[in-house]
PDB file of N, CA and C in Angstrom:
ATOM      1  N   MET A   1     150.584 152.367  58.904  1.00  0.00           N
ATOM      2  CA  MET A   1     151.630 152.768  59.539  1.00  0.00           C
ATOM      3  C   MET A   1     151.381 153.938  60.580  1.00  0.00           C
ATOM      4  N   GLU A   2     150.817 154.801  60.005  1.00  0.00           N
ATOM      5  CA  GLU A   2     150.409 156.179  60.732  1.00  0.00           C
ATOM      6  C   GLU A   2     149.452 155.728  61.965  1.00  0.00           C
ATOM      7  N   ASN A   3     148.549 154.720  61.818  1.00  0.00           N
ATOM      8  CA  ASN A   3     147.796 154.363  62.856  1.00  0.00           C
ATOM      9  C   ASN A   3     148.535 153.632  63.832  1.00  0.00           C
ATOM     10  N   LYS A   4     149.554 152.863  63.645  1.00  0.00           N
ATOM     11  CA  LYS A   4     150.332 152.384  64.602  1.00  0.00           C
ATOM     12  C   LYS A   4     151.250 153.405  65.471  1.00  0.00           C
ATOM     13  N   ILE A   5     151.529 154.313  64.874  1.00  0.00           N
ATOM     14  CA  ILE A   5     152.386 155.465  65.378  1.00  0.00           C
ATOM     15  C   ILE A   5     151.543 156.252  66.370  1.00  0.00           C
ATOM     16  N   ASN A   6     150.229 156.360  65.910  1.00  0.00           N
ATOM     17  CA  ASN A   6     149.220 157.084  66.743  1.00  0.00           C
ATOM     18  C   ASN A   6     148.917 156.300  68.021  1.00  0.00           C
ATOM     19  N   ASN A   7     148.881 154.831  67.771  1.00  0.00           N
ATOM     20  CA  ASN A   7     148.453 154.192  69.128  1.00  0.00           C
ATOM     21  C   ASN A   7     149.707 154.144  69.856  1.00  0.00           C
ATOM     22  N   ALA A   8     150.863 154.112  69.326  1.00  0.00           N
ATOM     23  CA  ALA A   8     151.987 154.191  70.185  1.00  0.00           C
ATOM     24  C   ALA A   8     152.023 155.432  71.133  1.00  0.00           C
ATOM     25  N   LYS A   9     151.727 156.556  70.477  1.00  0.00           N
ATOM     26  CA  LYS A   9     151.791 157.960  71.083  1.00  0.00           C
ATOM     27  C   LYS A   9     150.631 157.974  72.194  1.00  0.00           C
ATOM     28  N   GLU A  10     149.345 157.178  71.802  1.00  0.00           N
ATOM     29  CA  GLU A  10     148.309 157.293  72.925  1.00  0.00           C
ATOM     30  C   GLU A  10     148.677 156.437  74.114  1.00  0.00           C
ATOM     31  N   VAL A  11     149.213 155.170  73.925  1.00  0.00           N
ATOM     32  CA  VAL A  11     149.861 154.637  74.986  1.00  0.00           C
ATOM     33  C   VAL A  11     150.840 155.243  75.978  1.00  0.00           C
ATOM     34  N   LEU A  12     151.798 155.921  75.158  1.00  0.00           N
ATOM     35  CA  LEU A  12     152.832 156.738  75.803  1.00  0.00           C
ATOM     36  C   LEU A  12     152.309 157.684  76.513  1.00  0.00           C
ATOM     37  N   ALA A  13     151.376 158.762  75.892  1.00  0.00           N
ATOM     38  CA  ALA A  13     150.685 159.756  76.594  1.00  0.00           C
ATOM     39  C   ALA A  13     149.934 159.222  78.012  1.00  0.00           C
ATOM     40  N   LYS A  14     149.390 158.043  77.915  1.00  0.00           N
ATOM     41  CA  LYS A  14     148.547 157.401  79.073  1.00  0.00           C
ATOM     42  C   LYS A  14     149.402 157.020  80.146  1.00  0.00           C
ATOM     43  N   ARG A  15     150.741 156.465  79.846  1.00  0.00           N
ATOM     44  CA  ARG A  15     151.713 156.047  80.734  1.00  0.00           C
ATOM     45  C   ARG A  15     152.394 157.039  81.435  1.00  0.00           C
ATOM     46  N   LEU A  16     152.529 158.292  80.719  1.00  0.00           N
ATOM     47  CA  LEU A  16     153.229 159.417  81.385  1.00  0.00           C
ATOM     48  C   LEU A  16     152.118 160.358  81.914  1.00  0.00           C
ATOM     49  N   ASP A  17     150.856 160.182  81.762  1.00  0.00           N
ATOM     50  CA  ASP A  17     149.904 161.014  82.321  1.00  0.00           C
ATOM     51  C   ASP A  17     150.112 162.306  81.638  1.00  0.00           C
ATOM     52  N   PHE A  18     150.338 162.335  80.386  1.00  0.00           N
ATOM     53  CA  PHE A  18     150.504 163.466  79.373  1.00  0.00           C
ATOM     54  C   PHE A  18     149.140 163.790  78.532  1.00  0.00           C
ATOM     55  N   PRO A  19     148.778 164.919  78.467  1.00  0.00           N
ATOM     56  CA  PRO A  19     147.418 165.180  77.675  1.00  0.00           C
ATOM     57  C   PRO A  19     147.476 164.550  76.329  1.00  0.00           C
ATOM     58  N   LYS A  20     146.384 163.646  76.099  1.00  0.00           N
ATOM     59  CA  LYS A  20     146.354 163.149  74.605  1.00  0.00           C
ATOM     60  C   LYS A  20     146.248 164.228  73.485  1.00  0.00           C
ATOM     61  N   GLU A  21     145.669 165.209  73.667  1.00  0.00           N
ATOM     62  CA  GLU A  21     145.506 166.150  72.709  1.00  0.00           C
ATOM     63  C   GLU A  21     146.769 166.830  71.970  1.00  0.00           C
ATOM     64  N   ILE A  22     147.676 166.916  72.974  1.00  0.00           N
ATOM     65  CA  ILE A  22     148.943 167.484  72.797  1.00  0.00           C
ATOM     66  C   ILE A  22     149.741 166.516  72.008  1.00  0.00           C
ATOM     67  N   MET A  23     149.796 165.186  72.555  1.00  0.00           N
ATOM     68  CA  MET A  23     150.673 164.095  71.988  1.00  0.00           C
ATOM     69  C   MET A  23     150.135 163.704  70.480  1.00  0.00           C
ATOM     70  N   LEU A  24     148.797 163.695  70.222  1.00  0.00           N
ATOM     71  CA  LEU A  24     148.267 163.312  69.172  1.00  0.00           C
ATOM     72  C   LEU A  24     147.874 164.574  68.107  1.00  0.00           C
ATOM     73  N   ASP A  25     148.012 165.623  68.631  1.00  0.00           N
ATOM     74  CA  ASP A  25     147.767 166.993  67.740  1.00  0.00           C
ATOM     75  C   ASP A  25     146.292 166.957  67.686  1.00  0.00           C
ATOM     76  N   LEU A  26     145.350 166.545  68.661  1.00  0.00           N
ATOM     77  CA  LEU A  26     144.042 166.598  68.428  1.00  0.00           C
ATOM     78  C   LEU A  26     143.485 167.880  68.856  1.00  0.00           C
ATOM     79  N   PRO A  27     142.295 168.536  68.261  1.00  0.00           N
ATOM     80  CA  PRO A  27     141.582 169.696  68.788  1.00  0.00           C
ATOM     81  C   PRO A  27     141.199 169.542  70.308  1.00  0.00           C
ATOM     82  N   LYS A  28     141.406 170.574  70.986  1.00  0.00           N
ATOM     83  CA  LYS A  28     140.789 170.603  72.238  1.00  0.00           C
ATOM     84  C   LYS A  28     139.895 171.789  72.181  1.00  0.00           C
ATOM     85  N   ILE A  29     138.386 171.458  72.501  1.00  0.00           N
ATOM     86  CA  ILE A  29     137.509 172.590  72.382  1.00  0.00           C
ATOM     87  C   ILE A  29     136.718 172.807  73.773  1.00  0.00           C
ATOM     88  N   THR A  30     136.768 173.908  74.328  1.00  0.00           N
ATOM     89  CA  THR A  30     136.180 174.401  75.484  1.00  0.00           C
ATOM     90  C   THR A  30     135.260 175.434  75.255  1.00  0.00           C
ATOM     91  N   ILE A  31     134.003 174.980  75.786  1.00  0.00           N
ATOM     92  CA  ILE A  31     132.700 175.757  75.531  1.00  0.00           C
ATOM     93  C   ILE A  31     132.327 176.478  76.922  1.00  0.00           C
ATOM     94  N   THR A  32     132.218 177.779  76.864  1.00  0.00           N
ATOM     95  CA  THR A  32     131.763 178.468  78.025  1.00  0.00           C
ATOM     96  C   THR A  32     130.462 179.011  77.818  1.00  0.00           C
ATOM     97  N   GLY A  33     129.385 178.404  78.388  1.00  0.00           N
ATOM     98  CA  GLY A  33     127.777 178.963  78.095  1.00  0.00           C
ATOM     99  C   GLY A  33     127.554 178.585  76.732  1.00  0.00           C
ATOM    100  N   ASP A  34     126.764 179.511  76.185  1.00  0.00           N
ATOM    101  CA  ASP A  34     126.388 179.328  74.787  1.00  0.00           C
ATOM    102  C   ASP A  34     126.920 180.240  73.949  1.00  0.00           C
ATOM    103  N   ASN A  35     127.990 181.135  74.415  1.00  0.00           N
ATOM    104  CA  ASN A  35     128.527 182.308  73.538  1.00  0.00           C
ATOM    105  C   ASN A  35     130.038 182.394  73.532  1.00  0.00           C
ATOM    106  N   GLU A  36     130.706 181.376  73.967  1.00  0.00           N
ATOM    107  CA  GLU A  36     132.172 181.384  73.976  1.00  0.00           C
ATOM    108  C   GLU A  36     132.974 180.192  73.647  1.00  0.00           C
ATOM    109  N   ILE A  37     133.832 180.078  72.903  1.00  0.00           N
ATOM    110  CA  ILE A  37     134.321 178.632  72.376  1.00  0.00           C
ATOM    111  C   ILE A  37     135.805 179.091  72.221  1.00  0.00           C
ATOM    112  N   ASP A  38     136.660 178.116  72.889  1.00  0.00           N
ATOM    113  CA  ASP A  38     138.064 178.055  72.514  1.00  0.00           C
ATOM    114  C   ASP A  38     138.507 176.883  71.893  1.00  0.00           C
ATOM    115  N   ILE A  39     139.238 177.029  70.734  1.00  0.00           N
ATOM    116  CA  ILE A  39     139.688 175.875  69.988  1.00  0.00           C
ATOM    117  C   ILE A  39     141.092 175.798  70.139  1.00  0.00           C
ATOM    118  N   GLU A  40     141.888 174.798  70.614  1.00  0.00           N
ATOM    119  CA  GLU A  40     143.342 174.677  70.534  1.00  0.00           C
ATOM    120  C   GLU A  40     143.647 173.605  69.577  1.00  0.00           C
ATOM    121  N   ASN A  41     144.883 173.654  68.925  1.00  0.00           N
ATOM    122  CA  ASN A  41     145.345 172.620  68.059  1.00  0.00           C
ATOM    123  C   ASN A  41     144.674 172.728  66.787  1.00  0.00           C
ATOM    124  N   HIS A  42     144.046 173.800  66.294  1.00  0.00           N
ATOM    125  CA  HIS A  42     143.313 173.924  64.989  1.00  0.00           C
ATOM    126  C   HIS A  42     144.514 174.180  63.882  1.00  0.00           C
ATOM    127  N   LYS A  43     143.999 173.813  62.615  1.00  0.00           N
ATOM    128  CA  LYS A  43     144.903 174.079  61.530  1.00  0.00           C
ATOM    129  C   LYS A  43     144.520 175.331  60.614  1.00  0.00           C
ATOM    130  N   GLY A  44     143.788 176.167  61.163  1.00  0.00           N
ATOM    131  CA  GLY A  44     143.307 177.344  60.428  1.00  0.00           C
ATOM    132  C   GLY A  44     141.957 177.635  60.273  1.00  0.00           C
ATOM    133  N   ILE A  45     141.269 178.649  59.833  1.00  0.00           N
ATOM    134  CA  ILE A  45     140.088 179.053  59.764  1.00  0.00           C
ATOM    135  C   ILE A  45     139.713 178.702  58.261  1.00  0.00           C
ATOM    136  N   MET A  46     138.759 177.813  57.841  1.00  0.00           N
ATOM    137  CA  MET A  46     138.388 177.591  56.578  1.00  0.00           C
ATOM    138  C   MET A  46     137.448 178.752  55.983  1.00  0.00           C
ATOM    139  N   SER A  47     136.361 178.980  56.738  1.00  0.00           N
ATOM    140  CA  SER A  47     135.345 179.981  56.503  1.00  0.00           C
ATOM    141  C   SER A  47     134.968 180.683  57.722  1.00  0.00           C
ATOM    142  N   PHE A  48     134.693 182.022  57.504  1.00  0.00           N
ATOM    143  CA  PHE A  48     133.936 182.808  58.697  1.00  0.00           C
ATOM    144  C   PHE A  48     132.988 183.611  58.076  1.00  0.00           C
ATOM    145  N   GLU A  49     131.705 183.019  58.452  1.00  0.00           N
ATOM    146  CA  GLU A  49     130.504 183.778  57.844  1.00  0.00           C
ATOM    147  C   GLU A  49     129.482 184.251  58.893  1.00  0.00           C
ATOM    148  N   GLU A  50     128.511 184.924  58.433  1.00  0.00           N
ATOM    149  CA  GLU A  50     127.608 185.442  59.339  1.00  0.00           C
ATOM    150  C   GLU A  50     126.919 184.332  60.314  1.00  0.00           C
ATOM    151  N   TYR A  51     126.704 183.273  59.711  1.00  0.00           N
ATOM    152  CA  TYR A  51     125.926 182.150  60.515  1.00  0.00           C
ATOM    153  C   TYR A  51     126.600 180.875  60.622  1.00  0.00           C
ATOM    154  N   GLU A  52     127.947 180.849  60.044  1.00  0.00           N
ATOM    155  CA  GLU A  52     128.809 179.623  60.332  1.00  0.00           C
ATOM    156  C   GLU A  52     130.138 179.894  60.074  1.00  0.00           C
ATOM    157  N   VAL A  53     130.883 179.243  61.160  1.00  0.00           N
ATOM    158  CA  VAL A  53     132.312 179.244  61.177  1.00  0.00           C
ATOM    159  C   VAL A  53     132.840 177.827  60.801  1.00  0.00           C
ATOM    160  N   LYS A  54     133.892 177.791  60.043  1.00  0.00           N
ATOM    161  CA  LYS A  54     134.361 176.350  59.778  1.00  0.00           C
ATOM    162  C   LYS A  54     135.919 176.338  60.142  1.00  0.00           C
ATOM    163  N   ILE A  55     136.504 175.515  61.042  1.00  0.00           N
ATOM    164  CA  ILE A  55     137.737 175.465  61.498  1.00  0.00           C
ATOM    165  C   ILE A  55     138.398 174.172  61.238  1.00  0.00           C
ATOM    166  N   ASN A  56     139.488 174.186  60.639  1.00  0.00           N
ATOM    167  CA  ASN A  56     140.216 173.047  60.253  1.00  0.00           C
ATOM    168  C   ASN A  56     141.047 172.356  61.325  1.00  0.00           C
ATOM    169  N   SER A  57     141.058 170.916  61.475  1.00  0.00           N
ATOM    170  CA  SER A  57     141.708 170.343  62.399  1.00  0.00           C
ATOM    171  C   SER A  57     142.346 169.165  61.917  1.00  0.00           C
ATOM    172  N   LYS A  58     143.037 168.258  62.712  1.00  0.00           N
ATOM    173  CA  LYS A  58     143.746 167.113  62.261  1.00  0.00           C
ATOM    174  C   LYS A  58     142.503 166.041  61.959  1.00  0.00           C
ATOM    175  N   VAL A  59     141.493 165.962  62.683  1.00  0.00           N
ATOM    176  CA  VAL A  59     140.296 165.070  62.641  1.00  0.00           C
ATOM    177  C   VAL A  59     139.339 165.362  61.581  1.00  0.00           C
ATOM    178  N   GLY A  60     139.425 166.576  60.831  1.00  0.00           N
ATOM    179  CA  GLY A  60     138.395 167.224  59.944  1.00  0.00           C
ATOM    180  C   GLY A  60     137.990 168.617  60.404  1.00  0.00           C
ATOM    181  N   PHE A  61     136.820 169.093  59.828  1.00  0.00           N
ATOM    182  CA  PHE A  61     136.314 170.395  60.009  1.00  0.00           C
ATOM    183  C   PHE A  61     135.462 170.500  61.317  1.00  0.00           C
ATOM    184  N   ILE A  62     135.749 171.430  62.077  1.00  0.00           N
ATOM    185  CA  ILE A  62     134.911 171.914  63.206  1.00  0.00           C
ATOM    186  C   ILE A  62     133.999 172.992  62.889  1.00  0.00           C
ATOM    187  N   VAL A  63     132.606 172.682  62.679  1.00  0.00           N
ATOM    188  CA  VAL A  63     131.607 173.523  62.164  1.00  0.00           C
ATOM    189  C   VAL A  63     130.706 174.177  63.371  1.00  0.00           C
ATOM    190  N   ILE A  64     130.854 175.498  63.249  1.00  0.00           N
ATOM    191  CA  ILE A  64     129.988 176.223  64.348  1.00  0.00           C
ATOM    192  C   ILE A  64     128.947 177.173  63.799  1.00  0.00           C
ATOM    193  N   LYS A  65     127.632 176.789  64.082  1.00  0.00           N
ATOM    194  CA  LYS A  65     126.411 177.410  63.603  1.00  0.00           C
ATOM    195  C   LYS A  65     125.877 178.395  64.603  1.00  0.00           C
ATOM    196  N   GLY A  66     125.454 179.465  64.342  1.00  0.00           N
ATOM    197  CA  GLY A  66     124.774 180.436  65.193  1.00  0.00           C
ATOM    198  C   GLY A  66     124.873 181.816  64.476  1.00  0.00           C
ATOM    199  N   SER A  67     125.138 182.890  65.151  1.00  0.00           N
ATOM    200  CA  SER A  67     124.950 184.243  64.794  1.00  0.00           C
ATOM    201  C   SER A  67     125.960 185.108  65.667  1.00  0.00           C
ATOM    202  N   ARG A  68     126.260 186.355  65.014  1.00  0.00           N
ATOM    203  CA  ARG A  68     126.886 187.279  65.759  1.00  0.00           C
ATOM    204  C   ARG A  68     128.440 186.847  66.187  1.00  0.00           C
ATOM    205  N   PHE A  69     129.041 186.095  65.439  1.00  0.00           N
ATOM    206  CA  PHE A  69     130.361 185.750  65.555  1.00  0.00           C
ATOM    207  C   PHE A  69     131.311 186.774  65.614  1.00  0.00           C
ATOM    208  N   GLU A  70     132.271 186.693  66.565  1.00  0.00           N
ATOM    209  CA  GLU A  70     133.608 187.545  66.565  1.00  0.00           C
ATOM    210  C   GLU A  70     134.755 186.745  67.134  1.00  0.00           C
ATOM    211  N   ILE A  71     135.937 187.173  66.535  1.00  0.00           N
ATOM    212  CA  ILE A  71     137.151 186.427  66.994  1.00  0.00           C
ATOM    213  C   ILE A  71     137.540 187.313  68.020  1.00  0.00           C
ATOM    214  N   LEU A  72     137.661 186.766  69.375  1.00  0.00           N
ATOM    215  CA  LEU A  72     138.254 187.278  70.527  1.00  0.00           C
ATOM    216  C   LEU A  72     139.790 187.261  70.380  1.00  0.00           C
ATOM    217  N   PHE A  73     140.380 186.144  70.253  1.00  0.00           N
ATOM    218  CA  PHE A  73     141.755 186.038  70.190  1.00  0.00           C
ATOM    219  C   PHE A  73     141.973 184.876  69.195  1.00  0.00           C
ATOM    220  N   ILE A  74     143.244 185.263  68.463  1.00  0.00           N
ATOM    221  CA  ILE A  74     143.889 184.141  67.815  1.00  0.00           C
ATOM    222  C   ILE A  74     145.381 184.248  67.658  1.00  0.00           C
ATOM    223  N   GLY A  75     146.123 183.250  67.806  1.00  0.00           N
ATOM    224  CA  GLY A  75     147.608 183.155  68.084  1.00  0.00           C
ATOM    225  C   GLY A  75     147.980 181.742  68.079  1.00  0.00           C
ATOM    226  N   GLY A  76     148.927 181.506  67.399  1.00  0.00           N
ATOM    227  CA  GLY A  76     149.472 180.159  67.229  1.00  0.00           C
ATOM    228  C   GLY A  76     148.529 179.186  66.785  1.00  0.00           C
ATOM    229  N   THR A  77     148.140 178.238  67.549  1.00  0.00           N
ATOM    230  CA  THR A  77     147.029 177.236  67.190  1.00  0.00           C
ATOM    231  C   THR A  77     146.015 177.273  68.175  1.00  0.00           C
ATOM    232  N   THR A  78     145.537 178.438  68.668  1.00  0.00           N
ATOM    233  CA  THR A  78     144.421 178.570  69.687  1.00  0.00           C
ATOM    234  C   THR A  78     143.761 179.729  69.012  1.00  0.00           C
ATOM    235  N   ILE A  79     142.381 179.711  69.049  1.00  0.00           N
ATOM    236  CA  ILE A  79     141.469 180.708  68.722  1.00  0.00           C
ATOM    237  C   ILE A  79     140.390 180.603  69.656  1.00  0.00           C
ATOM    238  N   SER A  80     139.814 181.813  69.977  1.00  0.00           N
ATOM    239  CA  SER A  80     138.749 181.980  70.697  1.00  0.00           C
ATOM    240  C   SER A  80     137.596 182.840  70.034  1.00  0.00           C
ATOM    241  N   ILE A  81     136.334 182.341  70.023  1.00  0.00           N
ATOM    242  CA  ILE A  81     135.249 183.001  69.221  1.00  0.00           C
ATOM    243  C   ILE A  81     134.088 183.133  70.248  1.00  0.00           C
ATOM    244  N   SER A  82     133.322 184.424  70.043  1.00  0.00           N
ATOM    245  CA  SER A  82     132.308 184.533  70.801  1.00  0.00           C
ATOM    246  C   SER A  82     131.151 184.768  69.757  1.00  0.00           C
ATOM    247  N   GLY A  83     129.813 184.577  70.319  1.00  0.00           N
ATOM    248  CA  GLY A  83     128.719 184.772  69.514  1.00  0.00           C
ATOM    249  C   GLY A  83     127.550 183.907  70.013  1.00  0.00           C
ATOM    250  N   ILE A  84     126.476 183.716  69.330  1.00  0.00           N
ATOM    251  CA  ILE A  84     125.434 182.871  70.015  1.00  0.00           C
ATOM    252  C   ILE A  84     125.487 181.679  69.090  1.00  0.00           C
ATOM    253  N   PHE A  85     125.927 180.538  69.825  1.00  0.00           N
ATOM    254  CA  PHE A  85     126.068 179.205  69.200  1.00  0.00           C
ATOM    255  C   PHE A  85     124.778 178.485  69.127  1.00  0.00           C
ATOM    256  N   LYS A  86     124.420 177.967  68.098  1.00  0.00           N
ATOM    257  CA  LYS A  86     123.229 176.875  67.868  1.00  0.00           C
ATOM    258  C   LYS A  86     123.752 175.571  67.871  1.00  0.00           C
ATOM    259  N   SER A  87     124.956 175.270  67.190  1.00  0.00           N
ATOM    260  CA  SER A  87     125.407 173.733  67.066  1.00  0.00           C
ATOM    261  C   SER A  87     126.921 173.759  66.912  1.00  0.00           C
ATOM    262  N   ILE A  88     127.623 172.761  67.231  1.00  0.00           N
ATOM    263  CA  ILE A  88     129.046 172.740  67.046  1.00  0.00           C
ATOM    264  C   ILE A  88     129.050 171.136  66.542  1.00  0.00           C
ATOM    265  N   THR A  89     129.550 171.083  65.413  1.00  0.00           N
ATOM    266  CA  THR A  89     129.845 169.384  64.817  1.00  0.00           C
ATOM    267  C   THR A  89     131.054 169.318  64.289  1.00  0.00           C
ATOM    268  N   TYR A  90     131.391 168.042  64.047  1.00  0.00           N
ATOM    269  CA  TYR A  90     132.649 167.798  63.293  1.00  0.00           C
ATOM    270  C   TYR A  90     132.069 167.200  61.906  1.00  0.00           C
ATOM    271  N   GLU A  91     132.818 167.476  60.882  1.00  0.00           N
ATOM    272  CA  GLU A  91     132.711 167.055  59.493  1.00  0.00           C
ATOM    273  C   GLU A  91     133.959 166.268  59.313  1.00  0.00           C
ATOM    274  N   GLY A  92     134.009 164.968  59.424  1.00  0.00           N
ATOM    275  CA  GLY A  92     135.327 164.393  59.182  1.00  0.00           C
ATOM    276  C   GLY A  92     135.794 164.395  57.739  1.00  0.00           C
ATOM    277  N   TYR A  93     136.938 164.179  57.523  1.00  0.00           N
ATOM    278  CA  TYR A  93     137.325 164.143  56.116  1.00  0.00           C
ATOM    279  C   TYR A  93     136.885 163.206  55.114  1.00  0.00           C
ATOM    280  N   ASP A  94     136.449 161.804  55.787  1.00  0.00           N
ATOM    281  CA  ASP A  94     135.987 160.952  54.924  1.00  0.00           C
ATOM    282  C   ASP A  94     134.450 161.072  54.592  1.00  0.00           C
ATOM    283  N   GLN A  95     133.785 162.133  55.291  1.00  0.00           N
ATOM    284  CA  GLN A  95     132.505 162.635  54.972  1.00  0.00           C
ATOM    285  C   GLN A  95     132.276 163.501  53.780  1.00  0.00           C
ATOM    286  N   ILE A  96     133.424 164.237  53.460  1.00  0.00           N
ATOM    287  CA  ILE A  96     133.299 165.146  52.354  1.00  0.00           C
ATOM    288  C   ILE A  96     133.338 164.552  51.106  1.00  0.00           C
TER     289      ILE A  96
END
């Protein structure tokens, strides 16, 4: 049932030329160079450690590995993080 609703939302977003990430509550990740990342539509910080940050989202966890992490901004459903990034991956809920 939820899949049908998401499909309908996706079709509607496409027809209205509306951003899909907003209609479907998907994370939008913007990376600037190798030292700044903005994540919109997140569902909270799961862990914030020296070499790994794990952010919750509708599609699973967004895992950022690297060093010198610092939160530049957090508000609503947007977070900005700086640091030295080595990798950014998704851990889907079905993989856990």
